[in-house]
Every structure is written in C-alpha cells, then in structure tokens.
C-alpha cells in the first residue's frame, strides 16, 4: 500500500511510470495486468510499475481522478502522458508510448 506522496515521489524520480488501478473484483483487471506488465517489461528498460487497489486506496484513486477500472496512467518525465480506462489493448498502449519513450532515452 502506497500513499499519495510516495506515488508522487516515484513519478518524479523515475523517467517512466505506469500506475495500474484495479480491484480484486475486476476480472478484466486480472486478465489485462499480466499481459500489460509483460509488454512493458519486454519493450521498455526503465519503466516503474505501481499497482493500486482502488478498493483499499480510494483516496489515491480520487486524487488521480480515477473513477473506472481498470485504468492505466502513464507518466513520462514526471508528466501524465497517457490515460486509458476500461476498454484498451496492450498493443495500443505500447504503440502510443513507444516513440516518446525512445526520444526521451536517446
């Protein structure tokens, strides 16, 4: 369990961060997470992944304006770059962050 300040510190101290919001009762969340985490790890060396259980950390979800699950927030260089909720594909997420990520690392 992370508090908001810890998450903000992680975002500011790492080049690329993914926040994955889910809940134990969300079957889509459980199916998507291993595929998404695997794709991130396969395609990007420097990517910090933080999982947030919205059933426990409701204040954190509200702080980041997350009202549906699953929700993925991608931060590049401390700034929110991508936000996807509910219906998303792993390939779509990888495509959208690949070029900006590569530019930042060149």
C-alpha atoms as a PDB file:
ATOM      1  CA  UNK A   1       0.000   0.000   0.000  1.00  0.00           C
ATOM      2  CA  UNK A   2       1.444   3.358  -1.079  1.00  0.00           C
ATOM      3  CA  UNK A   3       0.290   6.775  -0.044  1.00  0.00           C
ATOM      4  CA  UNK A   4      -0.178   9.643  -2.480  1.00  0.00           C
ATOM      5  CA  UNK A   5       3.104  11.293  -1.505  1.00  0.00           C
ATOM      6  CA  UNK A   6       5.057   8.067  -2.170  1.00  0.00           C
ATOM      7  CA  UNK A   7       3.435   7.714  -5.586  1.00  0.00           C
ATOM      8  CA  UNK A   8       4.149  11.345  -6.480  1.00  0.00           C
ATOM      9  CA  UNK A   9       7.786  10.834  -5.411  1.00  0.00           C
ATOM     10  CA  UNK A  10       8.022   7.715  -7.603  1.00  0.00           C
ATOM     11  CA  UNK A  11       6.612   9.656 -10.571  1.00  0.00           C
ATOM     12  CA  UNK A  12       9.096  12.498 -10.093  1.00  0.00           C
ATOM     13  CA  UNK A  13      12.146  10.272  -9.523  1.00  0.00           C
ATOM     14  CA  UNK A  14      11.672   7.927 -12.490  1.00  0.00           C
ATOM     15  CA  UNK A  15      11.751   8.625 -16.210  1.00  0.00           C
ATOM     16  CA  UNK A  16       8.712   6.432 -16.939  1.00  0.00           C
ATOM     17  CA  UNK A  17       5.998   5.267 -14.543  1.00  0.00           C
ATOM     18  CA  UNK A  18       2.813   3.295 -15.061  1.00  0.00           C
ATOM     19  CA  UNK A  19       0.051   3.454 -12.455  1.00  0.00           C
ATOM     20  CA  UNK A  20      -2.308   0.484 -12.776  1.00  0.00           C
ATOM     21  CA  UNK A  21      -5.610   0.941 -10.946  1.00  0.00           C
ATOM     22  CA  UNK A  22      -7.666  -2.191 -10.327  1.00  0.00           C
ATOM     23  CA  UNK A  23      -9.704  -4.029  -7.696  1.00  0.00           C
ATOM     24  CA  UNK A  24      -9.971  -7.665  -6.588  1.00  0.00           C
ATOM     25  CA  UNK A  25     -13.496  -7.960  -8.003  1.00  0.00           C
ATOM     26  CA  UNK A  26     -12.476  -6.815 -11.504  1.00  0.00           C
ATOM     27  CA  UNK A  27     -11.966  -9.834 -13.789  1.00  0.00           C
ATOM     28  CA  UNK A  28     -10.847  -7.669 -16.713  1.00  0.00           C
ATOM     29  CA  UNK A  29      -8.182  -6.111 -14.460  1.00  0.00           C
ATOM     30  CA  UNK A  30      -6.781  -9.526 -13.587  1.00  0.00           C
ATOM     31  CA  UNK A  31      -6.683 -10.641 -17.233  1.00  0.00           C
ATOM     32  CA  UNK A  32      -5.125  -7.416 -18.525  1.00  0.00           C
ATOM     33  CA  UNK A  33      -2.452  -6.779 -15.891  1.00  0.00           C
ATOM     34  CA  UNK A  34      -0.016  -9.671 -16.626  1.00  0.00           C
ATOM     35  CA  UNK A  35      -0.207  -9.014 -20.369  1.00  0.00           C
ATOM     36  CA  UNK A  36       0.371  -5.282 -19.940  1.00  0.00           C
ATOM     37  CA  UNK A  37       3.177  -5.671 -17.393  1.00  0.00           C
ATOM     38  CA  UNK A  38       4.877  -8.255 -19.629  1.00  0.00           C
ATOM     39  CA  UNK A  39       4.654  -5.986 -22.671  1.00  0.00           C
ATOM     40  CA  UNK A  40       6.034  -3.004 -20.722  1.00  0.00           C
ATOM     41  CA  UNK A  41       8.939  -5.073 -19.389  1.00  0.00           C
ATOM     42  CA  UNK A  42       9.676  -6.508 -22.865  1.00  0.00           C
ATOM     43  CA  UNK A  43       9.626  -3.138 -24.654  1.00  0.00           C
ATOM     44  CA  UNK A  44      10.991  -0.630 -22.143  1.00  0.00           C
ATOM     45  CA  UNK A  45      14.020  -0.936 -19.853  1.00  0.00           C
ATOM     46  CA  UNK A  46      13.325   1.936 -17.489  1.00  0.00           C
ATOM     47  CA  UNK A  47       9.669   1.674 -16.535  1.00  0.00           C
ATOM     48  CA  UNK A  48       8.453   1.671 -12.942  1.00  0.00           C
ATOM     49  CA  UNK A  49       5.103  -0.066 -12.441  1.00  0.00           C
ATOM     50  CA  UNK A  50       2.863   0.769  -9.474  1.00  0.00           C
ATOM     51  CA  UNK A  51      -0.312  -1.223  -8.824  1.00  0.00           C
ATOM     52  CA  UNK A  52      -3.090   0.453  -6.876  1.00  0.00           C
ATOM     53  CA  UNK A  53      -6.055  -1.434  -5.415  1.00  0.00           C
ATOM     54  CA  UNK A  54      -8.945   1.019  -5.590  1.00  0.00           C
ATOM     55  CA  UNK A  55     -10.979  -0.967  -3.058  1.00  0.00           C
ATOM     56  CA  UNK A  56      -8.357  -0.118  -0.426  1.00  0.00           C
ATOM     57  CA  UNK A  57      -6.809   3.088  -1.743  1.00  0.00           C
ATOM     58  CA  UNK A  58      -9.921   5.072  -2.648  1.00  0.00           C
ATOM     59  CA  UNK A  59      -8.281   8.370  -1.726  1.00  0.00           C
ATOM     60  CA  UNK A  60      -5.409   7.685  -4.142  1.00  0.00           C
ATOM     61  CA  UNK A  61      -7.851   6.839  -6.944  1.00  0.00           C
ATOM     62  CA  UNK A  62      -9.775  10.044  -6.288  1.00  0.00           C
ATOM     63  CA  UNK A  63      -6.560  12.101  -6.215  1.00  0.00           C
ATOM     64  CA  UNK A  64      -5.669  10.846  -9.710  1.00  0.00           C
ATOM     65  CA  UNK A  65      -9.306  11.239 -10.891  1.00  0.00           C
ATOM     66  CA  UNK A  66      -9.747   7.520 -11.479  1.00  0.00           C
ATOM     67  CA  UNK A  67     -13.406   6.533 -11.409  1.00  0.00           C
ATOM     68  CA  UNK A  68     -13.419   3.340 -13.521  1.00  0.00           C
ATOM     69  CA  UNK A  69     -11.268   0.224 -13.529  1.00  0.00           C
ATOM     70  CA  UNK A  70      -9.034  -0.887 -14.985  1.00  0.00           C
ATOM     71  CA  UNK A  71      -7.319   2.444 -15.508  1.00  0.00           C
ATOM     72  CA  UNK A  72      -3.754   2.922 -16.677  1.00  0.00           C
ATOM     73  CA  UNK A  73      -1.896   6.206 -16.236  1.00  0.00           C
ATOM     74  CA  UNK A  74       1.477   6.607 -17.929  1.00  0.00           C
ATOM     75  CA  UNK A  75       3.868   9.295 -16.775  1.00  0.00           C
ATOM     76  CA  UNK A  76       6.902  10.289 -18.824  1.00  0.00           C
ATOM     77  CA  UNK A  77       9.419  12.626 -17.231  1.00  0.00           C
ATOM     78  CA  UNK A  78       7.037  13.375 -14.353  1.00  0.00           C
ATOM     79  CA  UNK A  79       4.081  14.369 -16.529  1.00  0.00           C
ATOM     80  CA  UNK A  80       0.946  12.419 -17.326  1.00  0.00           C
ATOM     81  CA  UNK A  81       1.267  11.318 -20.932  1.00  0.00           C
ATOM     82  CA  UNK A  82      -1.431   8.682 -21.383  1.00  0.00           C
ATOM     83  CA  UNK A  83      -4.676   7.736 -19.644  1.00  0.00           C
ATOM     84  CA  UNK A  84      -6.734   4.687 -20.612  1.00  0.00           C
ATOM     85  CA  UNK A  85      -9.769   3.297 -18.837  1.00  0.00           C
ATOM     86  CA  UNK A  86     -11.928   0.214 -19.210  1.00  0.00           C
ATOM     87  CA  UNK A  87     -11.512  -0.785 -22.872  1.00  0.00           C
ATOM     88  CA  UNK A  88      -7.900  -0.819 -24.027  1.00  0.00           C
ATOM     89  CA  UNK A  89      -5.489  -3.068 -25.836  1.00  0.00           C
ATOM     90  CA  UNK A  90      -1.935  -3.787 -24.817  1.00  0.00           C
ATOM     91  CA  UNK A  91      -0.677  -3.148 -28.371  1.00  0.00           C
ATOM     92  CA  UNK A  92      -2.413   0.222 -28.467  1.00  0.00           C
ATOM     93  CA  UNK A  93      -0.747   1.328 -25.225  1.00  0.00           C
ATOM     94  CA  UNK A  94       2.708   0.156 -26.341  1.00  0.00           C
ATOM     95  CA  UNK A  95       2.327   1.936 -29.705  1.00  0.00           C
ATOM     96  CA  UNK A  96       1.284   5.211 -28.074  1.00  0.00           C
ATOM     97  CA  UNK A  97       4.209   5.398 -25.663  1.00  0.00           C
ATOM     98  CA  UNK A  98       6.987   3.808 -27.732  1.00  0.00           C
ATOM     99  CA  UNK A  99       8.114   6.832 -29.758  1.00  0.00           C
ATOM    100  CA  UNK A 100       8.047   9.423 -26.937  1.00  0.00           C
ATOM    101  CA  UNK A 101       9.823   6.951 -24.666  1.00  0.00           C
ATOM    102  CA  UNK A 102      12.540   6.313 -27.263  1.00  0.00           C
ATOM    103  CA  UNK A 103      13.017  10.057 -27.831  1.00  0.00           C
ATOM    104  CA  UNK A 104      13.444  10.612 -24.091  1.00  0.00           C
ATOM    105  CA  UNK A 105      16.068   7.851 -23.930  1.00  0.00           C
ATOM    106  CA  UNK A 106      18.103   8.926 -26.969  1.00  0.00           C
END
